[in-house]
């Protein structure tokens, strides 16, 4: 992994002890500004040991937690709106993405905390959205700006491949699903005997409100089956028709995202990726527009927790 000049992980130290939360609160504006302009902020000295400590840190930062309704990663809710970072198998990487960018209800921040670092590997990987936008070819960038992406999702009703709609929407009432998606511009919903098909068209780029930079802001690469482990991707393609794949992506006009285009995106991601060097008790603040994030494979026990958040004031 290489570190790019523009986007970087910056480290801040707070004094351990009873006044650490007060110091975090006093520096909240500084930390959130740095997450927006520089990249993820790694805060050491807080000694985060679990969900209660993370919630205290969020309060000190002036952030309020958000739900994970419509999320597509397996997660366990440890306390109200505080989750495991992911329950995805440790031997596989999770590719870079902007959280929930396939919806209109995405979080501005993700705040991670390390309760137990992995014995080996397990970095939370990050890359700058502005660097990615500058790194792809002009033709691909123009296509992304002009067309955006169409995200297609199939959520089964309790038996099938991938997540169920009950897990994704946090309940078993179809009317609740319809209410949530009615608030999503351009969302198309089709209920079937075995689940629900959802389609959304979303932009592929965004302009950061603080920096004014144009940033790569999507989950297109991650939604293609080829981003899955090889045996999983093969099983999806061989056993299921496309309309029953858990998720897939097209250009906004319905044309396919080609293998060459996906390969170019992945190459740019790789060139701009760095990893958070987790230690026990660390906190990391990620601006979801400035920074994409993912996870490296790991060995041993790893417990990283997260909250999706927005500014409370």
Protein backbone atom coordinates (compact mmCIF):
# COMPACT_ATOMS: atom_id res chain seq x y z
CA UNK A 1 0.00 0.00 0.00
CA UNK A 2 1.19 3.51 -0.77
CA UNK A 3 0.32 6.81 0.85
CA UNK A 4 -0.76 9.63 -1.44
CA UNK A 5 0.41 13.21 -0.81
CA UNK A 6 -3.04 14.80 -0.68
CA UNK A 7 -5.00 12.32 1.40
CA UNK A 8 -3.45 10.89 4.52
CA UNK A 9 -4.18 9.46 7.93
CA UNK A 10 -3.27 12.02 10.60
CA UNK A 11 -2.68 11.12 14.22
CA UNK A 12 -3.77 13.07 17.31
CA UNK A 13 -2.93 12.19 20.91
CA UNK A 14 -5.12 12.97 23.88
CA UNK A 15 -3.97 12.66 27.46
CA UNK A 16 -5.26 9.42 28.98
CA UNK A 17 -7.39 9.79 32.06
CA UNK A 18 -10.60 11.30 33.30
CA UNK A 19 -10.16 14.51 31.29
CA UNK A 20 -9.67 12.75 27.95
CA UNK A 21 -13.32 13.23 27.00
CA UNK A 22 -13.15 16.93 27.82
CA UNK A 23 -10.04 17.31 25.70
CA UNK A 24 -11.77 15.48 22.83
CA UNK A 25 -14.74 17.83 23.09
CA UNK A 26 -12.47 20.87 23.09
CA UNK A 27 -10.78 19.64 19.93
CA UNK A 28 -13.92 18.37 18.14
CA UNK A 29 -14.01 21.13 15.51
CA UNK A 30 -10.32 20.63 14.77
CA UNK A 31 -10.72 16.86 14.37
CA UNK A 32 -13.79 17.03 12.12
CA UNK A 33 -12.14 19.70 9.97
CA UNK A 34 -9.03 17.55 9.59
CA UNK A 35 -11.13 14.53 8.61
CA UNK A 36 -12.68 16.65 5.85
CA UNK A 37 -9.56 18.31 4.50
CA UNK A 38 -6.80 15.76 5.11
CA UNK A 39 -8.34 12.33 5.63
CA UNK A 40 -9.08 9.98 8.52
CA UNK A 41 -8.04 11.18 11.97
CA UNK A 42 -6.55 8.55 14.27
CA UNK A 43 -7.03 9.52 17.92
CA UNK A 44 -4.93 7.75 20.54
CA UNK A 45 -5.12 7.94 24.32
CA UNK A 46 -8.86 7.47 24.81
CA UNK A 47 -8.64 3.78 25.64
CA UNK A 48 -11.92 2.84 23.93
CA UNK A 49 -13.00 -0.50 25.42
CA UNK A 50 -16.51 -1.00 24.05
CA UNK A 51 -19.78 0.58 22.89
CA UNK A 52 -20.25 2.80 25.95
CA UNK A 53 -16.82 4.37 25.48
CA UNK A 54 -17.50 4.90 21.79
CA UNK A 55 -20.80 6.57 22.56
CA UNK A 56 -19.07 8.91 25.03
CA UNK A 57 -16.53 9.81 22.32
CA UNK A 58 -19.30 10.53 19.82
CA UNK A 59 -21.01 12.82 22.30
CA UNK A 60 -17.74 14.64 22.95
CA UNK A 61 -17.31 15.13 19.20
CA UNK A 62 -20.80 16.59 18.90
CA UNK A 63 -22.04 13.71 16.76
CA UNK A 64 -25.27 11.75 16.90
CA UNK A 65 -25.62 8.15 15.83
CA UNK A 66 -27.61 6.89 12.84
CA UNK A 67 -29.26 3.59 12.02
CA UNK A 68 -27.95 1.10 9.48
CA UNK A 69 -31.27 0.69 7.68
CA UNK A 70 -30.61 -0.26 4.01
CA UNK A 71 -27.06 -1.38 4.81
CA UNK A 72 -25.65 -4.21 2.70
CA UNK A 73 -22.82 -5.48 4.94
CA UNK A 74 -23.41 -8.10 7.63
CA UNK A 75 -23.11 -6.35 10.99
CA UNK A 76 -24.14 -7.01 14.58
CA UNK A 77 -25.77 -4.23 16.57
CA UNK A 78 -23.93 -4.28 19.91
CA UNK A 79 -25.83 -1.37 21.42
CA UNK A 80 -28.28 1.12 19.98
CA UNK A 81 -26.78 2.26 16.64
CA UNK A 82 -23.31 0.94 17.50
CA UNK A 83 -22.22 -2.04 15.42
CA UNK A 84 -19.42 -4.42 14.65
CA UNK A 85 -17.53 -2.89 11.74
CA UNK A 86 -18.43 -5.97 9.70
CA UNK A 87 -19.07 -9.66 10.15
CA UNK A 88 -17.64 -10.47 6.72
CA UNK A 89 -15.24 -13.47 6.87
CA UNK A 90 -11.73 -12.43 7.96
CA UNK A 91 -9.88 -14.18 5.12
CA UNK A 92 -11.40 -11.89 2.48
CA UNK A 93 -10.81 -8.17 1.88
CA UNK A 94 -13.62 -5.65 1.75
CA UNK A 95 -13.12 -3.26 -1.14
CA UNK A 96 -13.16 0.52 -0.84
CA UNK A 97 -16.52 2.25 -0.80
CA UNK A 98 -18.45 5.26 0.49
CA UNK A 99 -20.93 4.04 3.09
CA UNK A 100 -24.55 3.82 1.90
CA UNK A 101 -23.79 6.00 -1.14
CA UNK A 102 -26.31 3.93 -3.13
CA UNK A 103 -29.02 5.63 -1.03
CA UNK A 104 -29.88 9.26 -0.28
CA UNK A 105 -29.56 8.61 3.48
CA UNK A 106 -25.83 8.13 3.85
CA UNK A 107 -23.85 9.15 6.95
CA UNK A 108 -21.45 12.08 6.88
CA UNK A 109 -19.09 10.35 9.31
CA UNK A 110 -18.04 6.89 10.35
CA UNK A 111 -16.36 6.64 13.73
CA UNK A 112 -14.45 3.41 14.28
CA UNK A 113 -12.86 2.15 17.50
CA UNK A 114 -10.49 -0.75 18.05
CA UNK A 115 -11.35 -2.93 21.03
CA UNK A 116 -9.08 -5.79 19.96
CA UNK A 117 -6.56 -5.50 17.09
CA UNK A 118 -5.98 -8.54 14.89
CA UNK A 119 -2.88 -10.65 15.42
CA UNK A 120 -1.97 -9.96 11.79
CA UNK A 121 -3.55 -7.78 9.12
CA UNK A 122 -7.01 -6.32 9.60
CA UNK A 123 -6.24 -2.70 8.77
CA UNK A 124 -9.17 -0.48 7.94
CA UNK A 125 -8.16 0.58 4.45
CA UNK A 126 -8.80 4.11 3.21
CA UNK A 127 -8.33 6.23 0.10
CA UNK A 128 -9.16 9.80 -0.84
CA UNK A 129 -12.17 10.35 -3.06
CA UNK A 130 -10.54 13.39 -4.68
CA UNK A 131 -7.42 11.34 -5.44
CA UNK A 132 -9.51 8.58 -7.01
CA UNK A 133 -11.46 11.07 -9.12
CA UNK A 134 -8.18 12.59 -10.31
CA UNK A 135 -6.66 9.16 -10.93
CA UNK A 136 -9.20 7.59 -13.28
CA UNK A 137 -9.01 8.33 -16.99
CA UNK A 138 -10.83 11.42 -18.31
CA UNK A 139 -13.23 9.23 -20.28
CA UNK A 140 -14.21 7.19 -17.25
CA UNK A 141 -14.57 10.30 -15.09
CA UNK A 142 -16.84 11.95 -17.68
CA UNK A 143 -18.96 8.83 -17.96
CA UNK A 144 -19.28 8.69 -14.18
CA UNK A 145 -20.28 12.37 -14.03
CA UNK A 146 -22.77 12.13 -16.88
CA UNK A 147 -24.42 8.80 -16.17
CA UNK A 148 -23.95 7.92 -12.53
CA UNK A 149 -24.76 4.34 -11.55
CA UNK A 150 -27.85 2.16 -11.36
CA UNK A 151 -27.75 -0.09 -8.28
CA UNK A 152 -29.92 -3.20 -8.48
CA UNK A 153 -30.59 -5.27 -5.39
CA UNK A 154 -32.55 -8.40 -4.58
CA UNK A 155 -33.39 -9.03 -0.94
CA UNK A 156 -34.88 -12.44 -0.21
CA UNK A 157 -37.71 -12.99 2.25
CA UNK A 158 -35.80 -15.17 4.70
CA UNK A 159 -34.36 -17.95 2.56
CA UNK A 160 -31.78 -17.26 -0.11
CA UNK A 161 -28.38 -15.87 -0.98
CA UNK A 162 -27.25 -12.64 0.72
CA UNK A 163 -29.26 -10.51 3.12
CA UNK A 164 -33.01 -10.62 3.65
CA UNK A 165 -35.19 -7.54 3.42
CA UNK A 166 -36.08 -8.05 7.08
CA UNK A 167 -32.42 -7.74 8.10
CA UNK A 168 -31.72 -4.87 5.71
CA UNK A 169 -34.68 -2.77 6.85
CA UNK A 170 -34.73 -3.84 10.50
CA UNK A 171 -38.23 -5.30 10.67
CA UNK A 172 -40.78 -7.63 9.14
CA UNK A 173 -43.35 -5.12 7.87
CA UNK A 174 -43.29 -4.65 4.07
CA UNK A 175 -45.06 -1.31 4.53
CA UNK A 176 -42.02 -0.01 6.41
CA UNK A 177 -39.82 -0.95 3.46
CA UNK A 178 -42.16 0.89 1.12
CA UNK A 179 -42.15 3.98 3.37
CA UNK A 180 -38.35 4.12 3.50
CA UNK A 181 -37.97 3.68 -0.24
CA UNK A 182 -40.75 6.16 -1.06
CA UNK A 183 -38.38 8.81 0.30
CA UNK A 184 -35.64 7.71 -2.12
CA UNK A 185 -35.84 9.66 -5.40
CA UNK A 186 -35.82 7.34 -8.42
CA UNK A 187 -36.11 4.18 -6.31
CA UNK A 188 -38.09 1.42 -8.00
CA UNK A 189 -39.54 -1.38 -5.87
CA UNK A 190 -41.04 -4.66 -7.06
CA UNK A 191 -42.30 -7.18 -4.51
CA UNK A 192 -42.02 -10.84 -5.51
CA UNK A 193 -43.10 -14.12 -3.93
CA UNK A 194 -39.55 -14.70 -2.68
CA UNK A 195 -38.45 -11.18 -1.80
CA UNK A 196 -38.14 -7.67 -3.18
CA UNK A 197 -36.27 -6.14 -6.13
CA UNK A 198 -34.94 -2.61 -5.60
CA UNK A 199 -33.36 -0.33 -8.18
CA UNK A 200 -31.86 3.12 -7.62
CA UNK A 201 -29.97 5.56 -9.82
CA UNK A 202 -27.37 7.55 -7.93
CA UNK A 203 -24.54 9.95 -8.87
CA UNK A 204 -21.02 8.58 -9.07
CA UNK A 205 -19.34 11.83 -7.99
CA UNK A 206 -20.05 14.51 -5.40
CA UNK A 207 -18.72 17.92 -4.40
CA UNK A 208 -17.50 18.14 -0.81
CA UNK A 209 -19.31 21.00 0.96
CA UNK A 210 -16.30 22.03 3.02
CA UNK A 211 -13.44 21.67 0.54
CA UNK A 212 -15.26 22.21 -2.77
CA UNK A 213 -13.38 19.25 -4.23
CA UNK A 214 -15.00 16.85 -6.66
CA UNK A 215 -14.79 13.40 -5.10
CA UNK A 216 -15.41 9.85 -6.23
CA UNK A 217 -18.51 8.88 -4.22
CA UNK A 218 -20.12 5.53 -4.91
CA UNK A 219 -20.11 1.79 -4.27
CA UNK A 220 -20.18 0.71 -7.90
CA UNK A 221 -17.10 -1.51 -7.89
CA UNK A 222 -18.20 -3.23 -4.69
CA UNK A 223 -21.66 -4.03 -6.09
CA UNK A 224 -20.32 -6.00 -9.04
CA UNK A 225 -20.18 -9.75 -8.25
CA UNK A 226 -16.51 -9.80 -9.28
CA UNK A 227 -15.68 -7.91 -6.07
CA UNK A 228 -16.68 -11.02 -4.09
CA UNK A 229 -14.34 -13.95 -3.34
CA UNK A 230 -13.84 -15.97 -6.53
CA UNK A 231 -15.88 -18.99 -5.41
CA UNK A 232 -18.74 -16.79 -4.24
CA UNK A 233 -18.76 -14.76 -7.48
CA UNK A 234 -18.75 -17.99 -9.49
CA UNK A 235 -21.63 -19.44 -7.49
CA UNK A 236 -23.68 -16.26 -7.90
CA UNK A 237 -23.24 -16.26 -11.67
CA UNK A 238 -23.81 -20.00 -12.11
CA UNK A 239 -26.71 -20.58 -9.73
CA UNK A 240 -28.75 -17.39 -9.95
CA UNK A 241 -30.24 -15.32 -12.76
CA UNK A 242 -29.04 -11.68 -12.66
CA UNK A 243 -32.34 -10.46 -11.24
CA UNK A 244 -31.74 -12.66 -8.18
CA UNK A 245 -28.15 -11.58 -7.53
CA UNK A 246 -27.95 -9.92 -4.08
CA UNK A 247 -26.62 -6.78 -5.74
CA UNK A 248 -25.30 -5.68 -9.11
CA UNK A 249 -24.49 -2.40 -10.80
CA UNK A 250 -24.91 -0.78 -14.20
CA UNK A 251 -24.21 2.63 -15.61
CA UNK A 252 -27.11 4.99 -15.04
CA UNK A 253 -28.39 4.45 -18.57
CA UNK A 254 -28.59 0.68 -18.04
CA UNK A 255 -25.43 -0.22 -19.94
CA UNK A 256 -22.98 -2.63 -18.29
CA UNK A 257 -19.93 -1.51 -16.36
CA UNK A 258 -17.26 -3.37 -18.30
CA UNK A 259 -14.54 -5.61 -16.92
CA UNK A 260 -11.96 -3.11 -18.20
CA UNK A 261 -13.68 -0.24 -16.40
CA UNK A 262 -13.82 -2.21 -13.16
CA UNK A 263 -10.14 -3.13 -13.56
CA UNK A 264 -9.22 0.55 -14.01
CA UNK A 265 -11.19 1.55 -10.90
CA UNK A 266 -9.51 -1.17 -8.84
CA UNK A 267 -6.06 -0.18 -10.05
CA UNK A 268 -6.67 3.43 -9.00
CA UNK A 269 -7.98 2.28 -5.63
CA UNK A 270 -4.87 0.19 -5.07
CA UNK A 271 -2.56 3.05 -6.00
CA UNK A 272 -4.16 5.34 -3.40
CA UNK A 273 -4.83 2.93 -0.53
CA UNK A 274 -3.30 3.10 2.94
CA UNK A 275 -4.22 1.28 6.11
CA UNK A 276 -5.07 2.41 9.64
CA UNK A 277 -2.42 0.88 11.98
CA UNK A 278 -4.82 -0.22 14.70
CA UNK A 279 -3.85 -0.38 18.36
CA UNK A 280 -6.13 -1.33 21.24
CA UNK A 281 -8.27 1.64 22.32
CA UNK A 282 -7.78 3.69 19.12
CA UNK A 283 -10.52 5.88 17.63
CA UNK A 284 -10.68 6.86 13.95
CA UNK A 285 -12.93 9.57 12.51
CA UNK A 286 -13.70 9.15 8.80
CA UNK A 287 -15.46 11.78 6.70
CA UNK A 288 -17.56 9.61 4.37
CA UNK A 289 -17.27 12.10 1.50
CA UNK A 290 -13.54 12.72 1.78
CA UNK A 291 -12.48 9.12 2.37
CA UNK A 292 -13.48 5.74 1.04
CA UNK A 293 -12.91 2.82 3.39
CA UNK A 294 -12.62 -0.97 3.34
CA UNK A 295 -10.89 -3.72 5.30
CA UNK A 296 -7.80 -5.88 4.78
CA UNK A 297 -7.91 -9.63 5.55
CA UNK A 298 -6.67 -10.67 8.96
CA UNK A 299 -5.69 -13.54 11.23
CA UNK A 300 -6.74 -13.94 14.86
CA UNK A 301 -9.43 -12.22 16.90
CA UNK A 302 -10.31 -8.70 15.78
CA UNK A 303 -12.96 -6.45 17.24
CA UNK A 304 -13.46 -3.10 15.59
CA UNK A 305 -16.74 -1.32 16.27
CA UNK A 306 -18.36 1.55 14.42
CA UNK A 307 -21.09 4.13 14.49
CA UNK A 308 -22.55 5.94 11.52
CA UNK A 309 -22.96 9.56 12.53
CA UNK A 310 -23.80 13.13 11.66
CA UNK A 311 -23.22 16.43 13.41
CA UNK A 312 -25.70 17.03 16.22
CA UNK A 313 -25.36 20.80 16.15
